[in-house]
Amino acid sequence: MRPVTRASARRAGMTLIELLVVMMLIAVLASLAIGAVFSVRESQMKSFSETTVQKLASGLDQQWKAALDQAYEETVPAWALSAANNDLRRARVIYTKARLAQEFPVTFDRAKAPAPGYLTPKPTYVQALNGTSSAGNQAWESSALLFLALSQGRRGMAAFDATQLVEPTALQKRKDATTGTEFTIFVDAWGNPLRYYPFPYYCDELNAAPYLNTSLSQSPDPQDPEQTLTTGTWPANFQVPLFRNQTTPPVLLHVHPLTLGQRHLVSVVASAGRDGDFGFEVSGGNPTDDALRFMKLTQAGPAGDNIYSFRLRRFGAKGD
């Protein structure tokens, strides 16, 4: 047997340098593995949020069409004719938009008083809101109202069970800051409230190609194919309280600004994405009542990660 020498005994172990190299390799491999896990997890969260938005948009489309069909069958009231200078086509557009605003409000205050003196609030909303009054200061209001809107039957169509439209993890409970009344809302995979916009006229992406081609002659407003609200001298005298708030100068609430040219008007369900920031153009970054209603966006959020239902429709099952 060969005797163990001092030199061979030393070679049986690892030097400090060898140990450090091994540790560095382990650290590199671990970081790569962790990065891959986070990447997969982030992809799953985006996919989950896109699926939720898509399902809600599909359900909303059905309810929206039912409300439209119902409004088209109703008699145009005198106040709409008066506002339209007795133009029946224009009066029909005004009344239709008023009814959509009544059926699909985006703030608690608008749900309780969609058009003072013109349309009465829906009893379903009044009962559910139970005295709440927050003037659109809670970012999740449109999500809570979307849940309530989808849960109602319209024109012979049975109500959706809104809890069955999406996965259980896409539902949360929120309490009104004023009364403590609890509401069910829809959230994305990051836990942020989804938002709903019935007439999103100020979204740069939606109002550009391929969604809107300003060279085309047809109206981008589905409720106003003849562009009765954007032609002639009548718009300068448009004073229907339903469509204006009390700011100076007044701002149109439910119809696109008549001086901004063509605007693509489709109802939108949206997620703010991973960063939770829609990119609102408002002071301090807080969503105001107008920002909620108008979808006042200049970009897809600071990180460019907003998820919009109109984008999902264009690209199929997934966004871009």
C-alpha atoms as a PDB file:
ATOM      1  CA  MET A   1       0.000   0.000   0.000  1.00  0.00           C
ATOM      2  CA  ARG A   2       1.222   3.433  -0.970  1.00  0.00           C
ATOM      3  CA  PRO A   3       1.746   5.607   2.063  1.00  0.00           C
ATOM      4  CA  VAL A   4      -0.265   8.857   2.265  1.00  0.00           C
ATOM      5  CA  THR A   5       2.104  11.740   1.915  1.00  0.00           C
ATOM      6  CA  ARG A   6       1.535  15.288   3.190  1.00  0.00           C
ATOM      7  CA  ALA A   7       1.203  16.598  -0.403  1.00  0.00           C
ATOM      8  CA  SER A   8      -1.450  14.047  -1.411  1.00  0.00           C
ATOM      9  CA  ALA A   9      -3.417  14.772   1.772  1.00  0.00           C
ATOM     10  CA  ARG A  10      -3.511  18.468   0.884  1.00  0.00           C
ATOM     11  CA  ARG A  11      -4.770  17.689  -2.652  1.00  0.00           C
ATOM     12  CA  ALA A  12      -7.736  15.710  -1.257  1.00  0.00           C
ATOM     13  CA  GLY A  13      -9.446  18.956  -0.109  1.00  0.00           C
ATOM     14  CA  MET A  14     -10.523  22.215  -1.933  1.00  0.00           C
ATOM     15  CA  THR A  15      -8.655  25.419  -1.937  1.00  0.00           C
ATOM     16  CA  LEU A  16     -10.379  28.654  -0.974  1.00  0.00           C
ATOM     17  CA  ILE A  17     -10.309  29.832  -4.569  1.00  0.00           C
ATOM     18  CA  GLU A  18     -11.927  26.613  -5.776  1.00  0.00           C
ATOM     19  CA  LEU A  19     -14.638  26.974  -3.127  1.00  0.00           C
ATOM     20  CA  LEU A  20     -15.362  30.560  -4.159  1.00  0.00           C
ATOM     21  CA  VAL A  21     -15.619  29.547  -7.813  1.00  0.00           C
ATOM     22  CA  VAL A  22     -18.127  26.818  -6.954  1.00  0.00           C
ATOM     23  CA  MET A  23     -20.177  29.236  -4.842  1.00  0.00           C
ATOM     24  CA  MET A  24     -20.208  31.767  -7.664  1.00  0.00           C
ATOM     25  CA  LEU A  25     -21.421  29.149 -10.106  1.00  0.00           C
ATOM     26  CA  ILE A  26     -24.197  28.121  -7.715  1.00  0.00           C
ATOM     27  CA  ALA A  27     -25.212  31.768  -7.265  1.00  0.00           C
ATOM     28  CA  VAL A  28     -25.344  32.341 -11.030  1.00  0.00           C
ATOM     29  CA  LEU A  29     -27.419  29.217 -11.613  1.00  0.00           C
ATOM     30  CA  ALA A  30     -29.757  30.149  -8.750  1.00  0.00           C
ATOM     31  CA  SER A  31     -30.277  33.670 -10.092  1.00  0.00           C
ATOM     32  CA  LEU A  32     -31.045  32.287 -13.547  1.00  0.00           C
ATOM     33  CA  ALA A  33     -33.547  29.843 -12.080  1.00  0.00           C
ATOM     34  CA  ILE A  34     -35.202  32.528  -9.943  1.00  0.00           C
ATOM     35  CA  GLY A  35     -35.369  34.856 -12.941  1.00  0.00           C
ATOM     36  CA  ALA A  36     -37.024  32.156 -15.022  1.00  0.00           C
ATOM     37  CA  VAL A  37     -39.555  31.473 -12.261  1.00  0.00           C
ATOM     38  CA  PHE A  38     -40.433  35.160 -11.967  1.00  0.00           C
ATOM     39  CA  SER A  39     -40.696  35.465 -15.743  1.00  0.00           C
ATOM     40  CA  VAL A  40     -43.086  32.522 -15.926  1.00  0.00           C
ATOM     41  CA  ARG A  41     -45.063  33.881 -12.989  1.00  0.00           C
ATOM     42  CA  GLU A  42     -45.320  37.327 -14.594  1.00  0.00           C
ATOM     43  CA  SER A  43     -46.461  35.769 -17.869  1.00  0.00           C
ATOM     44  CA  GLN A  44     -49.121  33.779 -16.013  1.00  0.00           C
ATOM     45  CA  MET A  45     -50.380  36.896 -14.224  1.00  0.00           C
ATOM     46  CA  LYS A  46     -50.632  38.820 -17.483  1.00  0.00           C
ATOM     47  CA  SER A  47     -52.446  35.927 -19.145  1.00  0.00           C
ATOM     48  CA  PHE A  48     -54.855  35.647 -16.214  1.00  0.00           C
ATOM     49  CA  SER A  49     -55.604  39.386 -16.360  1.00  0.00           C
ATOM     50  CA  GLU A  50     -56.122  39.318 -20.123  1.00  0.00           C
ATOM     51  CA  THR A  51     -58.514  36.398 -19.790  1.00  0.00           C
ATOM     52  CA  THR A  52     -60.475  38.197 -17.062  1.00  0.00           C
ATOM     53  CA  VAL A  53     -60.717  41.394 -19.106  1.00  0.00           C
ATOM     54  CA  GLN A  54     -61.769  39.445 -22.183  1.00  0.00           C
ATOM     55  CA  LYS A  55     -64.510  37.518 -20.354  1.00  0.00           C
ATOM     56  CA  LEU A  56     -65.920  40.681 -18.809  1.00  0.00           C
ATOM     57  CA  ALA A  57     -65.842  42.493 -22.150  1.00  0.00           C
ATOM     58  CA  SER A  58     -67.706  39.604 -23.769  1.00  0.00           C
ATOM     59  CA  GLY A  59     -70.389  39.645 -21.080  1.00  0.00           C
ATOM     60  CA  LEU A  60     -70.612  43.422 -21.295  1.00  0.00           C
ATOM     61  CA  ASP A  61     -71.075  43.274 -25.070  1.00  0.00           C
ATOM     62  CA  GLN A  62     -74.174  41.115 -24.629  1.00  0.00           C
ATOM     63  CA  GLN A  63     -75.683  43.332 -21.955  1.00  0.00           C
ATOM     64  CA  TRP A  64     -74.769  46.484 -23.902  1.00  0.00           C
ATOM     65  CA  LYS A  65     -76.530  45.199 -27.038  1.00  0.00           C
ATOM     66  CA  ALA A  66     -79.621  44.278 -25.034  1.00  0.00           C
ATOM     67  CA  ALA A  67     -79.738  47.778 -23.523  1.00  0.00           C
ATOM     68  CA  LEU A  68     -79.258  49.350 -26.965  1.00  0.00           C
ATOM     69  CA  ASP A  69     -82.052  47.289 -28.511  1.00  0.00           C
ATOM     70  CA  GLN A  70     -84.344  48.232 -25.659  1.00  0.00           C
ATOM     71  CA  ALA A  71     -83.523  51.945 -25.969  1.00  0.00           C
ATOM     72  CA  TYR A  72     -84.133  51.878 -29.739  1.00  0.00           C
ATOM     73  CA  GLU A  73     -87.640  50.499 -29.167  1.00  0.00           C
ATOM     74  CA  GLU A  74     -88.586  53.152 -26.622  1.00  0.00           C
ATOM     75  CA  THR A  75     -90.329  56.399 -27.512  1.00  0.00           C
ATOM     76  CA  VAL A  76     -88.016  59.399 -27.674  1.00  0.00           C
ATOM     77  CA  PRO A  77     -89.102  61.754 -24.847  1.00  0.00           C
ATOM     78  CA  ALA A  78     -89.889  65.436 -25.281  1.00  0.00           C
ATOM     79  CA  TRP A  79     -86.769  66.595 -23.445  1.00  0.00           C
ATOM     80  CA  ALA A  80     -84.529  64.798 -25.972  1.00  0.00           C
ATOM     81  CA  LEU A  81     -86.426  66.323 -28.899  1.00  0.00           C
ATOM     82  CA  SER A  82     -86.095  69.769 -27.356  1.00  0.00           C
ATOM     83  CA  ALA A  83     -82.363  69.292 -26.816  1.00  0.00           C
ATOM     84  CA  ALA A  84     -82.004  68.180 -30.436  1.00  0.00           C
ATOM     85  CA  ASN A  85     -83.888  71.184 -31.857  1.00  0.00           C
ATOM     86  CA  ASN A  86     -86.660  68.769 -32.887  1.00  0.00           C
ATOM     87  CA  ASP A  87     -84.315  66.705 -35.055  1.00  0.00           C
ATOM     88  CA  LEU A  88     -85.646  63.198 -34.448  1.00  0.00           C
ATOM     89  CA  ARG A  89     -82.422  61.445 -35.539  1.00  0.00           C
ATOM     90  CA  ARG A  90     -80.312  63.543 -33.183  1.00  0.00           C
ATOM     91  CA  ALA A  91     -82.878  63.178 -30.407  1.00  0.00           C
ATOM     92  CA  ARG A  92     -82.679  59.395 -30.767  1.00  0.00           C
ATOM     93  CA  VAL A  93     -78.887  59.512 -30.368  1.00  0.00           C
ATOM     94  CA  ILE A  94     -79.114  61.742 -27.296  1.00  0.00           C
ATOM     95  CA  TYR A  95     -81.746  59.553 -25.689  1.00  0.00           C
ATOM     96  CA  THR A  96     -79.854  56.353 -26.504  1.00  0.00           C
ATOM     97  CA  LYS A  97     -76.675  57.663 -24.891  1.00  0.00           C
ATOM     98  CA  ALA A  98     -78.681  58.825 -21.903  1.00  0.00           C
ATOM     99  CA  ARG A  99     -80.154  55.364 -21.481  1.00  0.00           C
ATOM    100  CA  LEU A 100     -76.733  53.722 -21.773  1.00  0.00           C
ATOM    101  CA  ALA A 101     -75.408  56.089 -19.121  1.00  0.00           C
ATOM    102  CA  GLN A 102     -78.348  55.123 -16.944  1.00  0.00           C
ATOM    103  CA  GLU A 103     -77.822  51.392 -17.491  1.00  0.00           C
ATOM    104  CA  PHE A 104     -74.001  51.408 -17.228  1.00  0.00           C
ATOM    105  CA  PRO A 105     -72.857  54.166 -14.848  1.00  0.00           C
ATOM    106  CA  VAL A 106     -69.213  54.495 -13.815  1.00  0.00           C
ATOM    107  CA  THR A 107     -69.495  56.376 -10.507  1.00  0.00           C
ATOM    108  CA  PHE A 108     -71.840  55.955  -7.568  1.00  0.00           C
ATOM    109  CA  ASP A 109     -73.152  59.497  -7.887  1.00  0.00           C
ATOM    110  CA  ARG A 110     -73.969  58.983 -11.568  1.00  0.00           C
ATOM    111  CA  ALA A 111     -75.713  55.700 -10.760  1.00  0.00           C
ATOM    112  CA  LYS A 112     -77.973  57.482  -8.287  1.00  0.00           C
ATOM    113  CA  ALA A 113     -78.616  60.522 -10.494  1.00  0.00           C
ATOM    114  CA  PRO A 114     -77.806  59.733 -14.148  1.00  0.00           C
ATOM    115  CA  ALA A 115     -79.643  62.794 -15.473  1.00  0.00           C
ATOM    116  CA  PRO A 116     -81.469  64.953 -12.931  1.00  0.00           C
ATOM    117  CA  GLY A 117     -84.828  65.961 -14.321  1.00  0.00           C
ATOM    118  CA  TYR A 118     -84.525  63.650 -17.331  1.00  0.00           C
ATOM    119  CA  LEU A 119     -83.976  60.030 -16.304  1.00  0.00           C
ATOM    120  CA  THR A 120     -84.646  58.432 -12.954  1.00  0.00           C
ATOM    121  CA  PRO A 121     -81.981  56.241 -11.310  1.00  0.00           C
ATOM    122  CA  LYS A 122     -82.446  52.504 -11.636  1.00  0.00           C
ATOM    123  CA  PRO A 123     -83.887  51.091  -8.399  1.00  0.00           C
ATOM    124  CA  THR A 124     -81.322  48.268  -8.502  1.00  0.00           C
ATOM    125  CA  TYR A 125     -78.466  50.743  -8.175  1.00  0.00           C
ATOM    126  CA  VAL A 126     -80.198  52.922  -5.596  1.00  0.00           C
ATOM    127  CA  GLN A 127     -80.842  49.925  -3.382  1.00  0.00           C
ATOM    128  CA  ALA A 128     -77.307  48.558  -3.751  1.00  0.00           C
ATOM    129  CA  LEU A 129     -75.596  51.896  -3.143  1.00  0.00           C
ATOM    130  CA  ASN A 130     -77.525  52.451   0.075  1.00  0.00           C
ATOM    131  CA  GLY A 131     -76.657  56.111   0.674  1.00  0.00           C
ATOM    132  CA  THR A 132     -73.077  56.062  -0.606  1.00  0.00           C
ATOM    133  CA  SER A 133     -71.796  59.380  -1.920  1.00  0.00           C
ATOM    134  CA  SER A 134     -68.179  59.570  -2.977  1.00  0.00           C
ATOM    135  CA  ALA A 135     -68.235  61.549  -6.247  1.00  0.00           C
ATOM    136  CA  GLY A 136     -65.973  59.113  -8.047  1.00  0.00           C
ATOM    137  CA  ASN A 137     -63.138  59.333  -5.539  1.00  0.00           C
ATOM    138  CA  GLN A 138     -62.857  55.573  -5.105  1.00  0.00           C
ATOM    139  CA  ALA A 139     -60.905  54.042  -7.963  1.00  0.00           C
ATOM    140  CA  TRP A 140     -62.887  50.813  -7.777  1.00  0.00           C
ATOM    141  CA  GLU A 141     -66.373  52.307  -8.260  1.00  0.00           C
ATOM    142  CA  SER A 142     -66.637  51.544 -11.978  1.00  0.00           C
ATOM    143  CA  SER A 143     -65.639  47.931 -11.261  1.00  0.00           C
ATOM    144  CA  ALA A 144     -68.320  47.592  -8.570  1.00  0.00           C
ATOM    145  CA  LEU A 145     -70.914  49.098 -10.906  1.00  0.00           C
ATOM    146  CA  LEU A 146     -69.829  46.815 -13.745  1.00  0.00           C
ATOM    147  CA  PHE A 147     -70.455  43.858 -11.431  1.00  0.00           C
ATOM    148  CA  LEU A 148     -73.933  45.226 -10.633  1.00  0.00           C
ATOM    149  CA  ALA A 149     -74.660  45.989 -14.302  1.00  0.00           C
ATOM    150  CA  LEU A 150     -73.728  42.488 -15.448  1.00  0.00           C
ATOM    151  CA  SER A 151     -75.883  40.991 -12.699  1.00  0.00           C
ATOM    152  CA  GLN A 152     -79.089  42.465 -14.159  1.00  0.00           C
ATOM    153  CA  GLY A 153     -81.426  41.066 -16.777  1.00  0.00           C
ATOM    154  CA  ARG A 154     -82.287  43.225 -19.792  1.00  0.00           C
ATOM    155  CA  ARG A 155     -84.863  42.954 -22.577  1.00  0.00           C
ATOM    156  CA  GLY A 156     -85.789  39.358 -21.873  1.00  0.00           C
ATOM    157  CA  MET A 157     -82.171  38.279 -21.383  1.00  0.00           C
ATOM    158  CA  ALA A 158     -81.442  36.583 -18.086  1.00  0.00           C
ATOM    159  CA  ALA A 159     -78.955  38.228 -15.773  1.00  0.00           C
ATOM    160  CA  PHE A 160     -75.428  36.916 -15.626  1.00  0.00           C
ATOM    161  CA  ASP A 161     -74.145  35.351 -12.456  1.00  0.00           C
ATOM    162  CA  ALA A 162     -71.187  37.722 -12.433  1.00  0.00           C
ATOM    163  CA  THR A 163     -69.315  35.512  -9.980  1.00  0.00           C
ATOM    164  CA  GLN A 164     -69.321  32.757 -12.615  1.00  0.00           C
ATOM    165  CA  LEU A 165     -67.935  34.932 -15.411  1.00  0.00           C
ATOM    166  CA  VAL A 166     -64.422  34.992 -13.975  1.00  0.00           C
ATOM    167  CA  GLU A 167     -62.171  32.979 -11.694  1.00  0.00           C
ATOM    168  CA  PRO A 168     -62.784  33.389  -7.942  1.00  0.00           C
ATOM    169  CA  THR A 169     -59.404  35.106  -7.518  1.00  0.00           C
ATOM    170  CA  ALA A 170     -60.608  37.865  -9.891  1.00  0.00           C
ATOM    171  CA  LEU A 171     -63.218  38.912  -7.313  1.00  0.00           C
ATOM    172  CA  GLN A 172     -62.642  40.999  -4.212  1.00  0.00           C
ATOM    173  CA  LYS A 173     -64.710  42.823  -1.603  1.00  0.00           C
ATOM    174  CA  ARG A 174     -64.314  46.562  -1.028  1.00  0.00           C
ATOM    175  CA  LYS A 175     -66.073  48.857   1.430  1.00  0.00           C
ATOM    176  CA  ASP A 176     -67.359  52.319   0.668  1.00  0.00           C
ATOM    177  CA  ALA A 177     -65.368  54.869   2.640  1.00  0.00           C
ATOM    178  CA  THR A 178     -68.510  56.812   3.610  1.00  0.00           C
ATOM    179  CA  THR A 179     -71.001  54.158   4.684  1.00  0.00           C
ATOM    180  CA  GLY A 180     -68.963  50.965   4.981  1.00  0.00           C
ATOM    181  CA  THR A 181     -71.271  49.263   2.475  1.00  0.00           C
ATOM    182  CA  GLU A 182     -69.481  46.263   0.971  1.00  0.00           C
ATOM    183  CA  PHE A 183     -69.280  45.722  -2.795  1.00  0.00           C
ATOM    184  CA  THR A 184     -67.934  42.971  -5.028  1.00  0.00           C
ATOM    185  CA  ILE A 185     -65.415  44.180  -7.593  1.00  0.00           C
ATOM    186  CA  PHE A 186     -63.315  42.661 -10.370  1.00  0.00           C
ATOM    187  CA  VAL A 187     -59.527  42.734 -10.012  1.00  0.00           C
ATOM    188  CA  ASP A 188     -56.561  41.734 -12.148  1.00  0.00           C
ATOM    189  CA  ALA A 189     -53.847  39.267 -11.143  1.00  0.00           C
ATOM    190  CA  TRP A 190     -51.989  42.025  -9.278  1.00  0.00           C
ATOM    191  CA  GLY A 191     -55.024  42.764  -7.104  1.00  0.00           C
ATOM    192  CA  ASN A 192     -55.793  46.130  -8.744  1.00  0.00           C
ATOM    193  CA  PRO A 193     -59.407  47.016  -9.606  1.00  0.00           C
ATOM    194  CA  LEU A 194     -60.394  46.628 -13.229  1.00  0.00           C
ATOM    195  CA  ARG A 195     -62.109  49.662 -14.674  1.00  0.00           C
ATOM    196  CA  TYR A 196     -64.933  50.154 -17.097  1.00  0.00           C
ATOM    197  CA  TYR A 197     -65.356  53.075 -19.492  1.00  0.00           C
ATOM    198  CA  PRO A 198     -68.583  53.403 -21.533  1.00  0.00           C
ATOM    199  CA  PHE A 199     -67.414  56.280 -23.780  1.00  0.00           C
ATOM    200  CA  PRO A 200     -63.589  56.406 -23.680  1.00  0.00           C
ATOM    201  CA  TYR A 201     -62.990  59.339 -25.981  1.00  0.00           C
ATOM    202  CA  TYR A 202     -59.550  60.439 -24.822  1.00  0.00           C
ATOM    203  CA  CYS A 203     -57.294  57.429 -25.230  1.00  0.00           C
ATOM    204  CA  ASP A 204     -54.503  58.113 -27.721  1.00  0.00           C
ATOM    205  CA  GLU A 205     -54.090  54.465 -28.670  1.00  0.00           C
ATOM    206  CA  LEU A 206     -57.781  53.875 -29.313  1.00  0.00           C
ATOM    207  CA  ASN A 207     -58.060  57.064 -31.337  1.00  0.00           C
ATOM    208  CA  ALA A 208     -55.265  56.178 -33.770  1.00  0.00           C
ATOM    209  CA  ALA A 209     -54.705  53.572 -36.460  1.00  0.00           C
ATOM    210  CA  PRO A 210     -55.567  50.738 -36.667  1.00  0.00           C
ATOM    211  CA  TYR A 211     -58.541  51.385 -34.376  1.00  0.00           C
ATOM    212  CA  LEU A 212     -59.478  54.669 -36.024  1.00  0.00           C
ATOM    213  CA  ASN A 213     -58.660  55.872 -39.509  1.00  0.00           C
ATOM    214  CA  THR A 214     -59.421  59.572 -39.638  1.00  0.00           C
ATOM    215  CA  SER A 215     -59.425  59.509 -43.446  1.00  0.00           C
ATOM    216  CA  LEU A 216     -62.598  57.432 -43.445  1.00  0.00           C
ATOM    217  CA  SER A 217     -65.931  59.174 -43.780  1.00  0.00           C
ATOM    218  CA  GLN A 218     -67.947  56.932 -41.510  1.00  0.00           C
ATOM    219  CA  SER A 219     -68.622  57.906 -37.928  1.00  0.00           C
ATOM    220  CA  PRO A 220     -66.451  56.288 -35.235  1.00  0.00           C
ATOM    221  CA  ASP A 221     -69.412  56.600 -32.854  1.00  0.00           C
ATOM    222  CA  PRO A 222     -71.529  53.421 -33.040  1.00  0.00           C
ATOM    223  CA  GLN A 223     -74.561  55.182 -31.552  1.00  0.00           C
ATOM    224  CA  ASP A 224     -74.313  58.071 -34.013  1.00  0.00           C
ATOM    225  CA  PRO A 225     -73.516  56.638 -37.470  1.00  0.00           C
ATOM    226  CA  GLU A 226     -74.877  59.757 -39.186  1.00  0.00           C
ATOM    227  CA  GLN A 227     -72.686  62.021 -37.014  1.00  0.00           C
ATOM    228  CA  THR A 228     -75.656  64.106 -35.917  1.00  0.00           C
ATOM    229  CA  LEU A 229     -73.765  65.267 -32.830  1.00  0.00           C
ATOM    230  CA  THR A 230     -70.764  66.555 -34.748  1.00  0.00           C
ATOM    231  CA  THR A 231     -72.300  68.305 -37.742  1.00  0.00           C
ATOM    232  CA  GLY A 232     -73.981  71.654 -38.324  1.00  0.00           C
ATOM    233  CA  THR A 233     -74.214  74.642 -35.991  1.00  0.00           C
ATOM    234  CA  TRP A 234     -76.261  72.809 -33.367  1.00  0.00           C
ATOM    235  CA  PRO A 235     -73.313  71.488 -31.264  1.00  0.00           C
ATOM    236  CA  ALA A 236     -72.390  75.033 -30.144  1.00  0.00           C
ATOM    237  CA  ASN A 237     -75.691  75.219 -28.274  1.00  0.00           C
ATOM    238  CA  PHE A 238     -75.608  71.715 -26.794  1.00  0.00           C
ATOM    239  CA  GLN A 239     -76.662  72.303 -23.182  1.00  0.00           C
ATOM    240  CA  VAL A 240     -78.309  69.076 -22.039  1.00  0.00           C
ATOM    241  CA  PRO A 241     -77.327  68.711 -18.335  1.00  0.00           C
ATOM    242  CA  LEU A 242     -76.927  64.966 -18.781  1.00  0.00           C
ATOM    243  CA  PHE A 243     -73.887  65.518 -20.963  1.00  0.00           C
ATOM    244  CA  ARG A 244     -72.266  68.360 -19.036  1.00  0.00           C
ATOM    245  CA  ASN A 245     -70.905  68.892 -15.563  1.00  0.00           C
ATOM    246  CA  GLN A 246     -70.751  72.137 -13.644  1.00  0.00           C
ATOM    247  CA  THR A 247     -67.195  73.110 -14.494  1.00  0.00           C
ATOM    248  CA  THR A 248     -66.321  76.289 -16.348  1.00  0.00           C
ATOM    249  CA  PRO A 249     -66.339  75.869 -19.252  1.00  0.00           C
ATOM    250  CA  PRO A 250     -68.667  72.855 -19.119  1.00  0.00           C
ATOM    251  CA  VAL A 251     -67.268  69.503 -20.158  1.00  0.00           C
ATOM    252  CA  LEU A 252     -69.272  66.887 -22.008  1.00  0.00           C
ATOM    253  CA  LEU A 253     -69.863  63.912 -19.768  1.00  0.00           C
ATOM    254  CA  HIS A 254     -71.138  61.211 -22.063  1.00  0.00           C
ATOM    255  CA  VAL A 255     -70.480  62.480 -25.574  1.00  0.00           C
ATOM    256  CA  HIS A 256     -67.073  63.067 -27.097  1.00  0.00           C
ATOM    257  CA  PRO A 257     -65.803  66.688 -27.267  1.00  0.00           C
ATOM    258  CA  LEU A 258     -67.242  68.128 -30.426  1.00  0.00           C
ATOM    259  CA  THR A 259     -64.139  70.200 -31.139  1.00  0.00           C
ATOM    260  CA  LEU A 260     -61.676  67.303 -31.067  1.00  0.00           C
ATOM    261  CA  GLY A 261     -62.712  65.703 -34.325  1.00  0.00           C
ATOM    262  CA  GLN A 262     -63.218  61.978 -34.711  1.00  0.00           C
ATOM    263  CA  ARG A 263     -63.042  59.825 -31.607  1.00  0.00           C
ATOM    264  CA  HIS A 264     -63.488  56.081 -31.561  1.00  0.00           C
ATOM    265  CA  LEU A 265     -66.230  55.382 -29.033  1.00  0.00           C
ATOM    266  CA  VAL A 266     -66.444  51.806 -27.775  1.00  0.00           C
ATOM    267  CA  SER A 267     -66.988  50.574 -24.252  1.00  0.00           C
ATOM    268  CA  VAL A 268     -63.751  49.336 -22.696  1.00  0.00           C
ATOM    269  CA  VAL A 269     -62.756  47.115 -19.775  1.00  0.00           C
ATOM    270  CA  ALA A 270     -59.184  47.761 -18.666  1.00  0.00           C
ATOM    271  CA  SER A 271     -56.420  46.672 -16.299  1.00  0.00           C
ATOM    272  CA  ALA A 272     -53.571  48.983 -15.266  1.00  0.00           C
ATOM    273  CA  GLY A 273     -51.121  46.091 -15.590  1.00  0.00           C
ATOM    274  CA  ARG A 274     -48.244  45.167 -13.340  1.00  0.00           C
ATOM    275  CA  ASP A 275     -47.424  48.729 -12.236  1.00  0.00           C
ATOM    276  CA  GLY A 276     -51.036  49.515 -11.296  1.00  0.00           C
ATOM    277  CA  ASP A 277     -50.806  52.896 -13.042  1.00  0.00           C
ATOM    278  CA  PHE A 278     -53.167  53.826 -15.887  1.00  0.00           C
ATOM    279  CA  GLY A 279     -51.221  56.957 -16.758  1.00  0.00           C
ATOM    280  CA  PHE A 280     -53.963  59.468 -16.013  1.00  0.00           C
ATOM    281  CA  GLU A 281     -53.327  63.073 -16.952  1.00  0.00           C
ATOM    282  CA  VAL A 282     -54.417  64.479 -13.608  1.00  0.00           C
ATOM    283  CA  SER A 283     -52.635  66.342 -10.868  1.00  0.00           C
ATOM    284  CA  GLY A 284     -51.023  64.071  -8.299  1.00  0.00           C
ATOM    285  CA  GLY A 285     -51.890  60.941 -10.269  1.00  0.00           C
ATOM    286  CA  ASN A 286     -55.253  60.472  -8.541  1.00  0.00           C
ATOM    287  CA  PRO A 287     -58.157  59.430 -10.766  1.00  0.00           C
ATOM    288  CA  THR A 288     -60.856  62.113 -10.735  1.00  0.00           C
ATOM    289  CA  ASP A 289     -64.469  61.647 -11.671  1.00  0.00           C
ATOM    290  CA  ASP A 290     -63.776  62.998 -15.169  1.00  0.00           C
ATOM    291  CA  ALA A 291     -60.703  60.817 -15.585  1.00  0.00           C
ATOM    292  CA  LEU A 292     -62.713  57.735 -14.720  1.00  0.00           C
ATOM    293  CA  ARG A 293     -65.482  58.678 -17.094  1.00  0.00           C
ATOM    294  CA  PHE A 294     -63.381  59.869 -19.994  1.00  0.00           C
ATOM    295  CA  MET A 295     -60.536  57.350 -19.822  1.00  0.00           C
ATOM    296  CA  LYS A 296     -58.171  60.302 -19.976  1.00  0.00           C
ATOM    297  CA  LEU A 297     -54.997  58.588 -21.091  1.00  0.00           C
ATOM    298  CA  THR A 298     -52.015  59.724 -23.110  1.00  0.00           C
ATOM    299  CA  GLN A 299     -50.168  56.428 -23.060  1.00  0.00           C
ATOM    300  CA  ALA A 300     -50.588  52.839 -21.904  1.00  0.00           C
ATOM    301  CA  GLY A 301     -49.396  53.701 -18.406  1.00  0.00           C
ATOM    302  CA  PRO A 302     -45.817  54.676 -17.509  1.00  0.00           C
ATOM    303  CA  ALA A 303     -44.670  51.077 -18.020  1.00  0.00           C
ATOM    304  CA  GLY A 304     -46.696  50.573 -21.197  1.00  0.00           C
ATOM    305  CA  ASP A 305     -48.416  47.571 -19.651  1.00  0.00           C
ATOM    306  CA  ASN A 306     -52.091  48.548 -19.588  1.00  0.00           C
ATOM    307  CA  ILE A 307     -54.469  45.805 -20.771  1.00  0.00           C
ATOM    308  CA  TYR A 308     -57.452  46.996 -22.825  1.00  0.00           C
ATOM    309  CA  SER A 309     -60.341  44.899 -24.085  1.00  0.00           C
ATOM    310  CA  PHE A 310     -60.214  46.592 -27.503  1.00  0.00           C
ATOM    311  CA  ARG A 311     -56.582  45.521 -27.888  1.00  0.00           C
ATOM    312  CA  LEU A 312     -57.444  41.931 -26.977  1.00  0.00           C
ATOM    313  CA  ARG A 313     -60.190  41.923 -29.611  1.00  0.00           C
ATOM    314  CA  ARG A 314     -57.724  43.020 -32.259  1.00  0.00           C
ATOM    315  CA  PHE A 315     -55.081  40.426 -31.447  1.00  0.00           C
ATOM    316  CA  GLY A 316     -57.412  37.570 -30.599  1.00  0.00           C
ATOM    317  CA  ALA A 317     -57.105  35.701 -27.334  1.00  0.00           C
ATOM    318  CA  LYS A 318     -54.014  37.587 -26.223  1.00  0.00           C
ATOM    319  CA  GLY A 319     -52.850  41.181 -26.289  1.00  0.00           C
ATOM    320  CA  ASP A 320     -49.633  42.546 -27.686  1.00  0.00           C
END
